Amino acid sequence: MTKTGIADRAPAKSAQDTTAIKTGVPTALAAVGLVWLAVTLAVARGTLHGSSGDVALSTAALSLPALVQAAVFAGIAAGFATTIGIARTRTRVLAGFGTGLAVGVLAFGTVLLGYGLERGLETAVAAAIGVAALLGGGIGALRPVRMLQTGLIVTLPVIVLGYVVGHFSEPLLKLFGDNGTVASRYSASGYIGVTEALVQGLIAGIVAFVLLRRGGPLPIKDNRIVFVAYAFAGALPGLIIGLSEVLTRGGAAWLIDMTTTFSKYDQVLFGWGNGNRANQALVVFFVGALASLILYGRTIKKPAA
């Protein structure tokens, strides 16, 4: 009877994994992540190539957040695609970190060989990007498959919305009350940041719930773990932003310590960016998780009296 039960359950899990592989979604996500990282590295190279002295240091510190965020996503997506067919946990985790390490080494080499920066500066930038990709690869080994795949998918519209808001920042600042004074501009920027983070969190949570729900019940008996899976899928964009912020602060602090003339303007801009990204990460993380959990909870039928 025990053997029959095991035989009945094994094909279901195998079928789920095979379906995920056949759709090509993990491979597509990895391709998107690697292309995003490559484009971000190319843009940063155009900004930093040949720079020297304190100007290069301050520019690198201000450019680091986008590089690290792209590296984290690329590491997770590549690690997920590589480990999709590995069932054994230890092997999968090692493969995930190995994939993240490979992505990190490629990015590390690109910065060292292609940016033409001073030795200490290029090492700091390359190390932050490499560590980001390595940690991302480890996250890519997490399971269930659909949980992580959904989390990666919902991260894309969150990131796109961030770029759209940045592109239209001037009109949005005026819409939120910027009248030309420093105080009004700072206030408007705060309102935009909060609104953006709330919308991103809602998008993450709602889309995560819809995608997981459409895929049918997760092959997990413990309903508490199902709740965790829904919460994680909605919270992953916030986790990526938050992890990127931690690594950015470490790498940028090193860069700032290396410069003697980090201007007051750059200090204010960098400090404001740190606070804004930290708040964004927290809001997106919790709103995304709660939105997905609440929507899932409303689908659970009450036990009969």
C-alpha atoms as a PDB file:
ATOM      1  CA  MET A   1       0.000   0.000   0.000  1.00  0.00           C
ATOM      2  CA  THR A   2       2.883   2.320   0.801  1.00  0.00           C
ATOM      3  CA  LYS A   3       4.603   1.522  -2.484  1.00  0.00           C
ATOM      4  CA  THR A   4       1.426   2.236  -4.416  1.00  0.00           C
ATOM      5  CA  GLY A   5       1.023   5.596  -2.692  1.00  0.00           C
ATOM      6  CA  ILE A   6       4.598   6.558  -3.559  1.00  0.00           C
ATOM      7  CA  ALA A   7       4.152   5.453  -7.156  1.00  0.00           C
ATOM      8  CA  ASP A   8       0.953   7.476  -7.426  1.00  0.00           C
ATOM      9  CA  ARG A   9       2.579  10.626  -6.111  1.00  0.00           C
ATOM     10  CA  ALA A  10       5.889  10.480  -8.033  1.00  0.00           C
ATOM     11  CA  PRO A  11       4.477  10.924 -11.565  1.00  0.00           C
ATOM     12  CA  ALA A  12       2.514  14.015 -10.474  1.00  0.00           C
ATOM     13  CA  LYS A  13       5.653  15.790  -9.342  1.00  0.00           C
ATOM     14  CA  SER A  14       7.574  14.633 -12.378  1.00  0.00           C
ATOM     15  CA  ALA A  15       4.795  15.813 -14.672  1.00  0.00           C
ATOM     16  CA  GLN A  16       4.804  19.213 -13.026  1.00  0.00           C
ATOM     17  CA  ASP A  17       8.566  19.615 -13.525  1.00  0.00           C
ATOM     18  CA  THR A  18       8.360  18.364 -17.122  1.00  0.00           C
ATOM     19  CA  THR A  19       5.588  20.843 -17.895  1.00  0.00           C
ATOM     20  CA  ALA A  20       7.685  23.694 -16.556  1.00  0.00           C
ATOM     21  CA  ILE A  21      10.610  22.579 -18.738  1.00  0.00           C
ATOM     22  CA  LYS A  22       8.497  22.131 -21.871  1.00  0.00           C
ATOM     23  CA  THR A  23       7.035  25.615 -21.640  1.00  0.00           C
ATOM     24  CA  GLY A  24      10.519  27.068 -21.921  1.00  0.00           C
ATOM     25  CA  VAL A  25       9.636  29.691 -19.318  1.00  0.00           C
ATOM     26  CA  PRO A  26      12.724  29.065 -17.126  1.00  0.00           C
ATOM     27  CA  THR A  27      15.015  29.343 -20.154  1.00  0.00           C
ATOM     28  CA  ALA A  28      13.257  32.497 -21.318  1.00  0.00           C
ATOM     29  CA  LEU A  29      13.578  34.041 -17.856  1.00  0.00           C
ATOM     30  CA  ALA A  30      17.282  33.212 -17.778  1.00  0.00           C
ATOM     31  CA  ALA A  31      17.729  34.778 -21.216  1.00  0.00           C
ATOM     32  CA  VAL A  32      15.901  37.928 -20.122  1.00  0.00           C
ATOM     33  CA  GLY A  33      18.009  38.142 -16.971  1.00  0.00           C
ATOM     34  CA  LEU A  34      21.304  37.721 -18.814  1.00  0.00           C
ATOM     35  CA  VAL A  35      20.323  40.224 -21.514  1.00  0.00           C
ATOM     36  CA  TRP A  36      19.250  42.731 -18.852  1.00  0.00           C
ATOM     37  CA  LEU A  37      22.601  42.300 -17.081  1.00  0.00           C
ATOM     38  CA  ALA A  38      24.529  42.648 -20.349  1.00  0.00           C
ATOM     39  CA  VAL A  39      22.661  45.824 -21.318  1.00  0.00           C
ATOM     40  CA  THR A  40      23.163  47.321 -17.842  1.00  0.00           C
ATOM     41  CA  LEU A  41      26.881  46.518 -17.976  1.00  0.00           C
ATOM     42  CA  ALA A  42      27.117  48.098 -21.438  1.00  0.00           C
ATOM     43  CA  VAL A  43      25.335  51.277 -20.322  1.00  0.00           C
ATOM     44  CA  ALA A  44      27.538  51.535 -17.230  1.00  0.00           C
ATOM     45  CA  ARG A  45      30.648  51.034 -19.370  1.00  0.00           C
ATOM     46  CA  GLY A  46      29.612  53.940 -21.566  1.00  0.00           C
ATOM     47  CA  THR A  47      29.345  56.094 -18.441  1.00  0.00           C
ATOM     48  CA  LEU A  48      32.473  54.924 -16.640  1.00  0.00           C
ATOM     49  CA  HIS A  49      34.923  53.887 -19.388  1.00  0.00           C
ATOM     50  CA  GLY A  50      38.172  55.768 -19.143  1.00  0.00           C
ATOM     51  CA  SER A  51      37.103  57.772 -16.104  1.00  0.00           C
ATOM     52  CA  SER A  52      39.604  58.366 -13.353  1.00  0.00           C
ATOM     53  CA  GLY A  53      39.966  60.016 -10.005  1.00  0.00           C
ATOM     54  CA  ASP A  54      37.154  61.094  -7.724  1.00  0.00           C
ATOM     55  CA  VAL A  55      34.744  61.746 -10.611  1.00  0.00           C
ATOM     56  CA  ALA A  56      34.902  58.066 -11.567  1.00  0.00           C
ATOM     57  CA  LEU A  57      34.448  57.006  -7.936  1.00  0.00           C
ATOM     58  CA  SER A  58      31.331  59.078  -7.355  1.00  0.00           C
ATOM     59  CA  THR A  59      29.882  58.071 -10.746  1.00  0.00           C
ATOM     60  CA  ALA A  60      30.496  54.391  -9.975  1.00  0.00           C
ATOM     61  CA  ALA A  61      28.813  54.702  -6.570  1.00  0.00           C
ATOM     62  CA  LEU A  62      25.732  56.246  -8.168  1.00  0.00           C
ATOM     63  CA  SER A  63      25.660  53.633 -10.986  1.00  0.00           C
ATOM     64  CA  LEU A  64      26.084  50.602  -8.729  1.00  0.00           C
ATOM     65  CA  PRO A  65      22.413  50.023  -7.702  1.00  0.00           C
ATOM     66  CA  ALA A  66      21.235  49.251 -11.251  1.00  0.00           C
ATOM     67  CA  LEU A  67      24.192  46.914 -11.854  1.00  0.00           C
ATOM     68  CA  VAL A  68      23.665  44.957  -8.645  1.00  0.00           C
ATOM     69  CA  GLN A  69      19.909  44.604  -9.149  1.00  0.00           C
ATOM     70  CA  ALA A  70      20.422  43.250 -12.670  1.00  0.00           C
ATOM     71  CA  ALA A  71      23.054  40.819 -11.376  1.00  0.00           C
ATOM     72  CA  VAL A  72      20.765  39.476  -8.623  1.00  0.00           C
ATOM     73  CA  PHE A  73      17.925  38.832 -11.075  1.00  0.00           C
ATOM     74  CA  ALA A  74      20.255  37.254 -13.648  1.00  0.00           C
ATOM     75  CA  GLY A  75      21.732  34.972 -10.992  1.00  0.00           C
ATOM     76  CA  ILE A  76      18.316  33.822  -9.755  1.00  0.00           C
ATOM     77  CA  ALA A  77      16.946  33.251 -13.265  1.00  0.00           C
ATOM     78  CA  ALA A  78      20.052  31.426 -14.497  1.00  0.00           C
ATOM     79  CA  GLY A  79      20.255  29.307 -11.333  1.00  0.00           C
ATOM     80  CA  PHE A  80      16.572  28.422 -11.644  1.00  0.00           C
ATOM     81  CA  ALA A  81      16.896  27.386 -15.303  1.00  0.00           C
ATOM     82  CA  THR A  82      19.989  25.283 -14.572  1.00  0.00           C
ATOM     83  CA  THR A  83      18.522  23.431 -11.591  1.00  0.00           C
ATOM     84  CA  ILE A  84      14.999  22.930 -12.938  1.00  0.00           C
ATOM     85  CA  GLY A  85      15.471  19.189 -13.477  1.00  0.00           C
ATOM     86  CA  ILE A  86      17.511  18.417 -10.334  1.00  0.00           C
ATOM     87  CA  ALA A  87      15.454  16.768  -7.595  1.00  0.00           C
ATOM     88  CA  ARG A  88      18.136  16.196  -4.970  1.00  0.00           C
ATOM     89  CA  THR A  89      18.298  19.240  -2.691  1.00  0.00           C
ATOM     90  CA  ARG A  90      22.041  19.307  -2.011  1.00  0.00           C
ATOM     91  CA  THR A  91      22.957  18.849  -5.659  1.00  0.00           C
ATOM     92  CA  ARG A  92      20.438  21.488  -6.697  1.00  0.00           C
ATOM     93  CA  VAL A  93      21.744  24.055  -4.221  1.00  0.00           C
ATOM     94  CA  LEU A  94      25.345  23.458  -5.282  1.00  0.00           C
ATOM     95  CA  ALA A  95      24.352  23.727  -8.937  1.00  0.00           C
ATOM     96  CA  GLY A  96      22.465  26.945  -8.224  1.00  0.00           C
ATOM     97  CA  PHE A  97      25.411  28.575  -6.488  1.00  0.00           C
ATOM     98  CA  GLY A  98      27.709  27.268  -9.228  1.00  0.00           C
ATOM     99  CA  THR A  99      25.556  28.874 -11.899  1.00  0.00           C
ATOM    100  CA  GLY A 100      25.442  32.140  -9.969  1.00  0.00           C
ATOM    101  CA  LEU A 101      29.221  31.980  -9.617  1.00  0.00           C
ATOM    102  CA  ALA A 102      29.596  31.507 -13.384  1.00  0.00           C
ATOM    103  CA  VAL A 103      27.384  34.528 -14.093  1.00  0.00           C
ATOM    104  CA  GLY A 104      29.295  36.520 -11.485  1.00  0.00           C
ATOM    105  CA  VAL A 105      32.663  35.586 -12.944  1.00  0.00           C
ATOM    106  CA  LEU A 106      31.547  36.690 -16.417  1.00  0.00           C
ATOM    107  CA  ALA A 107      30.300  40.026 -15.071  1.00  0.00           C
ATOM    108  CA  PHE A 108      33.429  40.385 -12.922  1.00  0.00           C
ATOM    109  CA  GLY A 109      35.664  39.812 -15.939  1.00  0.00           C
ATOM    110  CA  THR A 110      33.638  42.242 -18.049  1.00  0.00           C
ATOM    111  CA  VAL A 111      34.197  45.028 -15.537  1.00  0.00           C
ATOM    112  CA  LEU A 112      37.881  44.259 -15.002  1.00  0.00           C
ATOM    113  CA  LEU A 113      38.751  43.918 -18.685  1.00  0.00           C
ATOM    114  CA  GLY A 114      36.307  46.285 -20.366  1.00  0.00           C
ATOM    115  CA  TYR A 115      35.791  49.302 -18.140  1.00  0.00           C
ATOM    116  CA  GLY A 116      39.323  50.694 -18.106  1.00  0.00           C
ATOM    117  CA  LEU A 117      39.030  51.955 -14.527  1.00  0.00           C
ATOM    118  CA  GLU A 118      41.598  52.253 -11.780  1.00  0.00           C
ATOM    119  CA  ARG A 119      42.449  48.962 -10.108  1.00  0.00           C
ATOM    120  CA  GLY A 120      40.773  49.548  -6.738  1.00  0.00           C
ATOM    121  CA  LEU A 121      37.665  51.057  -8.317  1.00  0.00           C
ATOM    122  CA  GLU A 122      37.057  48.298 -10.834  1.00  0.00           C
ATOM    123  CA  THR A 123      37.641  45.634  -8.168  1.00  0.00           C
ATOM    124  CA  ALA A 124      35.000  47.166  -5.880  1.00  0.00           C
ATOM    125  CA  VAL A 125      32.395  47.403  -8.658  1.00  0.00           C
ATOM    126  CA  ALA A 126      33.169  43.934 -10.028  1.00  0.00           C
ATOM    127  CA  ALA A 127      33.096  42.313  -6.570  1.00  0.00           C
ATOM    128  CA  ALA A 128      29.670  43.755  -5.718  1.00  0.00           C
ATOM    129  CA  ILE A 129      28.232  42.510  -9.020  1.00  0.00           C
ATOM    130  CA  GLY A 130      29.873  39.093  -8.674  1.00  0.00           C
ATOM    131  CA  VAL A 131      28.582  38.517  -5.135  1.00  0.00           C
ATOM    132  CA  ALA A 132      25.096  39.609  -6.223  1.00  0.00           C
ATOM    133  CA  ALA A 133      25.022  37.016  -9.012  1.00  0.00           C
ATOM    134  CA  LEU A 134      26.399  34.301  -6.689  1.00  0.00           C
ATOM    135  CA  LEU A 135      23.706  34.862  -4.057  1.00  0.00           C
ATOM    136  CA  GLY A 136      21.084  35.034  -6.778  1.00  0.00           C
ATOM    137  CA  GLY A 137      22.132  31.612  -8.031  1.00  0.00           C
ATOM    138  CA  GLY A 138      21.536  30.170  -4.565  1.00  0.00           C
ATOM    139  CA  ILE A 139      18.030  31.657  -4.440  1.00  0.00           C
ATOM    140  CA  GLY A 140      17.391  30.097  -7.856  1.00  0.00           C
ATOM    141  CA  ALA A 141      17.627  26.637  -6.268  1.00  0.00           C
ATOM    142  CA  LEU A 142      14.589  27.215  -4.038  1.00  0.00           C
ATOM    143  CA  ARG A 143      11.447  25.164  -4.639  1.00  0.00           C
ATOM    144  CA  PRO A 144       8.544  24.588  -5.460  1.00  0.00           C
ATOM    145  CA  VAL A 145       9.212  25.252  -9.142  1.00  0.00           C
ATOM    146  CA  ARG A 146       6.017  27.203  -9.771  1.00  0.00           C
ATOM    147  CA  MET A 147       6.602  29.422  -6.746  1.00  0.00           C
ATOM    148  CA  LEU A 148      10.002  30.611  -7.952  1.00  0.00           C
ATOM    149  CA  GLN A 149       8.976  30.789 -11.597  1.00  0.00           C
ATOM    150  CA  THR A 150       5.982  32.941 -10.692  1.00  0.00           C
ATOM    151  CA  GLY A 151       8.109  35.181  -8.484  1.00  0.00           C
ATOM    152  CA  LEU A 152      10.543  35.808 -11.340  1.00  0.00           C
ATOM    153  CA  ILE A 153       7.740  36.542 -13.781  1.00  0.00           C
ATOM    154  CA  VAL A 154       6.078  39.106 -11.496  1.00  0.00           C
ATOM    155  CA  THR A 155       9.453  40.790 -10.929  1.00  0.00           C
ATOM    156  CA  LEU A 156       9.559  41.871 -14.585  1.00  0.00           C
ATOM    157  CA  PRO A 157       6.552  44.267 -14.552  1.00  0.00           C
ATOM    158  CA  VAL A 158       7.762  45.634 -11.204  1.00  0.00           C
ATOM    159  CA  ILE A 159      11.166  46.481 -12.696  1.00  0.00           C
ATOM    160  CA  VAL A 160       9.632  47.850 -15.900  1.00  0.00           C
ATOM    161  CA  LEU A 161       7.343  50.126 -13.887  1.00  0.00           C
ATOM    162  CA  GLY A 162      10.388  51.440 -12.032  1.00  0.00           C
ATOM    163  CA  TYR A 163      12.112  52.360 -15.299  1.00  0.00           C
ATOM    164  CA  VAL A 164       8.927  53.974 -16.647  1.00  0.00           C
ATOM    165  CA  VAL A 165       8.550  56.111 -13.526  1.00  0.00           C
ATOM    166  CA  GLY A 166      12.191  57.133 -13.795  1.00  0.00           C
ATOM    167  CA  HIS A 167      11.793  58.074 -17.468  1.00  0.00           C
ATOM    168  CA  PHE A 168       8.755  60.253 -16.797  1.00  0.00           C
ATOM    169  CA  SER A 169      10.056  61.648 -13.515  1.00  0.00           C
ATOM    170  CA  GLU A 170       9.756  65.328 -14.438  1.00  0.00           C
ATOM    171  CA  PRO A 171       6.060  65.262 -15.424  1.00  0.00           C
ATOM    172  CA  LEU A 172       5.297  63.092 -12.391  1.00  0.00           C
ATOM    173  CA  LEU A 173       7.104  65.493 -10.068  1.00  0.00           C
ATOM    174  CA  LYS A 174       4.914  68.348 -11.304  1.00  0.00           C
ATOM    175  CA  LEU A 175       1.829  66.157 -10.956  1.00  0.00           C
ATOM    176  CA  PHE A 176       2.710  65.444  -7.317  1.00  0.00           C
ATOM    177  CA  GLY A 177       3.218  69.102  -6.380  1.00  0.00           C
ATOM    178  CA  ASP A 178       6.690  70.212  -7.503  1.00  0.00           C
ATOM    179  CA  ASN A 179       6.522  73.996  -7.970  1.00  0.00           C
ATOM    180  CA  GLY A 180      10.228  74.638  -8.460  1.00  0.00           C
ATOM    181  CA  THR A 181      11.370  74.885  -4.850  1.00  0.00           C
ATOM    182  CA  VAL A 182      13.736  72.383  -3.244  1.00  0.00           C
ATOM    183  CA  ALA A 183      11.200  71.536  -0.517  1.00  0.00           C
ATOM    184  CA  SER A 184       8.346  70.896  -2.964  1.00  0.00           C
ATOM    185  CA  ARG A 185      10.565  68.767  -5.195  1.00  0.00           C
ATOM    186  CA  TYR A 186      11.737  66.674  -2.261  1.00  0.00           C
ATOM    187  CA  SER A 187       8.149  66.246  -1.060  1.00  0.00           C
ATOM    188  CA  ALA A 188       6.920  65.294  -4.527  1.00  0.00           C
ATOM    189  CA  SER A 189       9.736  62.750  -4.877  1.00  0.00           C
ATOM    190  CA  GLY A 190       8.654  61.144  -1.611  1.00  0.00           C
ATOM    191  CA  TYR A 191       5.032  60.889  -2.734  1.00  0.00           C
ATOM    192  CA  ILE A 192       6.117  59.368  -6.054  1.00  0.00           C
ATOM    193  CA  GLY A 193       8.324  56.835  -4.276  1.00  0.00           C
ATOM    194  CA  VAL A 194       5.573  55.674  -1.928  1.00  0.00           C
ATOM    195  CA  THR A 195       2.964  55.505  -4.710  1.00  0.00           C
ATOM    196  CA  GLU A 196       5.330  53.621  -7.000  1.00  0.00           C
ATOM    197  CA  ALA A 197       6.203  51.081  -4.301  1.00  0.00           C
ATOM    198  CA  LEU A 198       2.545  50.498  -3.405  1.00  0.00           C
ATOM    199  CA  VAL A 199       1.585  49.957  -7.045  1.00  0.00           C
ATOM    200  CA  GLN A 200       4.570  47.649  -7.574  1.00  0.00           C
ATOM    201  CA  GLY A 201       3.639  45.607  -4.504  1.00  0.00           C
ATOM    202  CA  LEU A 202       0.017  45.293  -5.586  1.00  0.00           C
ATOM    203  CA  ILE A 203       1.054  44.253  -9.092  1.00  0.00           C
ATOM    204  CA  ALA A 204       3.435  41.645  -7.670  1.00  0.00           C
ATOM    205  CA  GLY A 205       0.880  40.196  -5.251  1.00  0.00           C
ATOM    206  CA  ILE A 206      -2.076  40.138  -7.643  1.00  0.00           C
ATOM    207  CA  VAL A 207      -0.148  38.711 -10.598  1.00  0.00           C
ATOM    208  CA  ALA A 208       1.537  36.118  -8.363  1.00  0.00           C
ATOM    209  CA  PHE A 209      -1.839  34.936  -7.065  1.00  0.00           C
ATOM    210  CA  VAL A 210      -3.377  34.777 -10.550  1.00  0.00           C
ATOM    211  CA  LEU A 211      -0.477  32.810 -12.043  1.00  0.00           C
ATOM    212  CA  LEU A 212      -0.277  30.334  -9.178  1.00  0.00           C
ATOM    213  CA  ARG A 213      -4.053  29.913  -9.094  1.00  0.00           C
ATOM    214  CA  ARG A 214      -4.286  29.313 -12.844  1.00  0.00           C
ATOM    215  CA  GLY A 215      -1.669  26.580 -12.585  1.00  0.00           C
ATOM    216  CA  GLY A 216      -3.850  24.531 -10.262  1.00  0.00           C
ATOM    217  CA  PRO A 217      -3.174  23.372  -6.691  1.00  0.00           C
ATOM    218  CA  LEU A 218       0.457  23.198  -5.635  1.00  0.00           C
ATOM    219  CA  PRO A 219       1.628  19.593  -5.000  1.00  0.00           C
ATOM    220  CA  ILE A 220       2.040  20.280  -1.276  1.00  0.00           C
ATOM    221  CA  LYS A 221      -0.058  18.675   1.451  1.00  0.00           C
ATOM    222  CA  ASP A 222       0.822  21.108   4.238  1.00  0.00           C
ATOM    223  CA  ASN A 223      -1.374  24.160   3.717  1.00  0.00           C
ATOM    224  CA  ARG A 224       1.052  26.293   5.751  1.00  0.00           C
ATOM    225  CA  ILE A 225       3.743  25.732   3.124  1.00  0.00           C
ATOM    226  CA  VAL A 226       1.244  26.642   0.408  1.00  0.00           C
ATOM    227  CA  PHE A 227       0.692  29.960   2.190  1.00  0.00           C
ATOM    228  CA  VAL A 228       4.465  30.487   2.273  1.00  0.00           C
ATOM    229  CA  ALA A 229       4.698  29.727  -1.455  1.00  0.00           C
ATOM    230  CA  TYR A 230       2.044  32.314  -2.327  1.00  0.00           C
ATOM    231  CA  ALA A 231       3.658  34.875  -0.025  1.00  0.00           C
ATOM    232  CA  PHE A 232       7.154  34.256  -1.403  1.00  0.00           C
ATOM    233  CA  ALA A 233       6.022  34.564  -5.017  1.00  0.00           C
ATOM    234  CA  GLY A 234       4.456  37.943  -4.294  1.00  0.00           C
ATOM    235  CA  ALA A 235       7.378  39.110  -2.155  1.00  0.00           C
ATOM    236  CA  LEU A 236      10.254  38.071  -4.462  1.00  0.00           C
ATOM    237  CA  PRO A 237      10.473  41.450  -6.282  1.00  0.00           C
ATOM    238  CA  GLY A 238      10.846  43.198  -2.925  1.00  0.00           C
ATOM    239  CA  LEU A 239      13.424  40.612  -1.837  1.00  0.00           C
ATOM    240  CA  ILE A 240      15.464  41.263  -4.991  1.00  0.00           C
ATOM    241  CA  ILE A 241      15.318  45.034  -4.453  1.00  0.00           C
ATOM    242  CA  GLY A 242      16.226  44.637  -0.773  1.00  0.00           C
ATOM    243  CA  LEU A 243      19.138  42.236  -1.357  1.00  0.00           C
ATOM    244  CA  SER A 244      20.423  44.548  -4.085  1.00  0.00           C
ATOM    245  CA  GLU A 245      20.267  47.477  -1.675  1.00  0.00           C
ATOM    246  CA  VAL A 246      22.286  45.625   0.981  1.00  0.00           C
ATOM    247  CA  LEU A 247      25.014  44.733  -1.525  1.00  0.00           C
ATOM    248  CA  THR A 248      24.924  48.225  -3.022  1.00  0.00           C
ATOM    249  CA  ARG A 249      25.484  49.869   0.349  1.00  0.00           C
ATOM    250  CA  GLY A 250      28.455  47.603   1.031  1.00  0.00           C
ATOM    251  CA  GLY A 251      30.083  48.201  -2.342  1.00  0.00           C
ATOM    252  CA  ALA A 252      29.294  51.916  -2.474  1.00  0.00           C
ATOM    253  CA  ALA A 253      30.617  52.501   1.043  1.00  0.00           C
ATOM    254  CA  TRP A 254      33.937  51.103  -0.142  1.00  0.00           C
ATOM    255  CA  LEU A 255      33.888  53.424  -3.134  1.00  0.00           C
ATOM    256  CA  ILE A 256      32.984  56.499  -1.074  1.00  0.00           C
ATOM    257  CA  ASP A 257      35.809  55.746   1.366  1.00  0.00           C
ATOM    258  CA  MET A 258      38.209  55.761  -1.578  1.00  0.00           C
ATOM    259  CA  THR A 259      37.302  59.254  -2.724  1.00  0.00           C
ATOM    260  CA  THR A 260      38.392  62.524  -1.129  1.00  0.00           C
ATOM    261  CA  THR A 261      35.950  64.849  -2.901  1.00  0.00           C
ATOM    262  CA  PHE A 262      32.578  63.107  -2.938  1.00  0.00           C
ATOM    263  CA  SER A 263      30.582  66.301  -3.416  1.00  0.00           C
ATOM    264  CA  LYS A 264      27.812  67.424  -1.076  1.00  0.00           C
ATOM    265  CA  TYR A 265      25.359  67.099  -3.954  1.00  0.00           C
ATOM    266  CA  ASP A 266      26.441  63.511  -4.616  1.00  0.00           C
ATOM    267  CA  GLN A 267      26.245  62.714  -0.903  1.00  0.00           C
ATOM    268  CA  VAL A 268      22.692  64.045  -0.693  1.00  0.00           C
ATOM    269  CA  LEU A 269      21.690  62.264  -3.909  1.00  0.00           C
ATOM    270  CA  PHE A 270      23.251  58.989  -2.831  1.00  0.00           C
ATOM    271  CA  GLY A 271      21.778  59.180   0.679  1.00  0.00           C
ATOM    272  CA  TRP A 272      18.325  59.958  -0.704  1.00  0.00           C
ATOM    273  CA  GLY A 273      18.637  57.051  -3.143  1.00  0.00           C
ATOM    274  CA  ASN A 274      19.603  54.657  -0.335  1.00  0.00           C
ATOM    275  CA  GLY A 275      16.600  55.624   1.765  1.00  0.00           C
ATOM    276  CA  ASN A 276      14.231  55.534  -1.196  1.00  0.00           C
ATOM    277  CA  ARG A 277      15.347  52.063  -2.328  1.00  0.00           C
ATOM    278  CA  ALA A 278      15.218  50.667   1.216  1.00  0.00           C
ATOM    279  CA  ASN A 279      11.673  51.943   1.698  1.00  0.00           C
ATOM    280  CA  GLN A 280      10.704  50.661  -1.745  1.00  0.00           C
ATOM    281  CA  ALA A 281      12.064  47.205  -0.946  1.00  0.00           C
ATOM    282  CA  LEU A 282      10.116  46.975   2.325  1.00  0.00           C
ATOM    283  CA  VAL A 283       6.835  48.213   0.821  1.00  0.00           C
ATOM    284  CA  VAL A 284       7.044  45.984  -2.261  1.00  0.00           C
ATOM    285  CA  PHE A 285       8.026  42.971  -0.134  1.00  0.00           C
ATOM    286  CA  PHE A 286       5.220  43.239   2.418  1.00  0.00           C
ATOM    287  CA  VAL A 287       2.473  44.548   0.107  1.00  0.00           C
ATOM    288  CA  GLY A 288       3.290  41.874  -2.482  1.00  0.00           C
ATOM    289  CA  ALA A 289       3.261  39.086   0.097  1.00  0.00           C
ATOM    290  CA  LEU A 290       0.104  40.298   1.840  1.00  0.00           C
ATOM    291  CA  ALA A 291      -1.814  40.882  -1.402  1.00  0.00           C
ATOM    292  CA  SER A 292      -1.049  37.361  -2.621  1.00  0.00           C
ATOM    293  CA  LEU A 293      -1.874  35.833   0.775  1.00  0.00           C
ATOM    294  CA  ILE A 294      -5.167  37.701   1.159  1.00  0.00           C
ATOM    295  CA  LEU A 295      -6.326  36.734  -2.317  1.00  0.00           C
ATOM    296  CA  TYR A 296      -5.367  33.098  -1.728  1.00  0.00           C
ATOM    297  CA  GLY A 297      -7.027  33.085   1.693  1.00  0.00           C
ATOM    298  CA  ARG A 298     -10.326  34.226   0.165  1.00  0.00           C
ATOM    299  CA  THR A 299     -10.351  31.104  -2.035  1.00  0.00           C
ATOM    300  CA  ILE A 300     -10.186  28.708   0.908  1.00  0.00           C
ATOM    301  CA  LYS A 301     -13.567  27.251   1.746  1.00  0.00           C
ATOM    302  CA  LYS A 302     -14.696  27.302   5.334  1.00  0.00           C
ATOM    303  CA  PRO A 303     -15.073  23.846   6.893  1.00  0.00           C
ATOM    304  CA  ALA A 304     -18.621  22.619   7.156  1.00  0.00           C
ATOM    305  CA  ALA A 305     -20.165  23.134  10.591  1.00  0.00           C
END
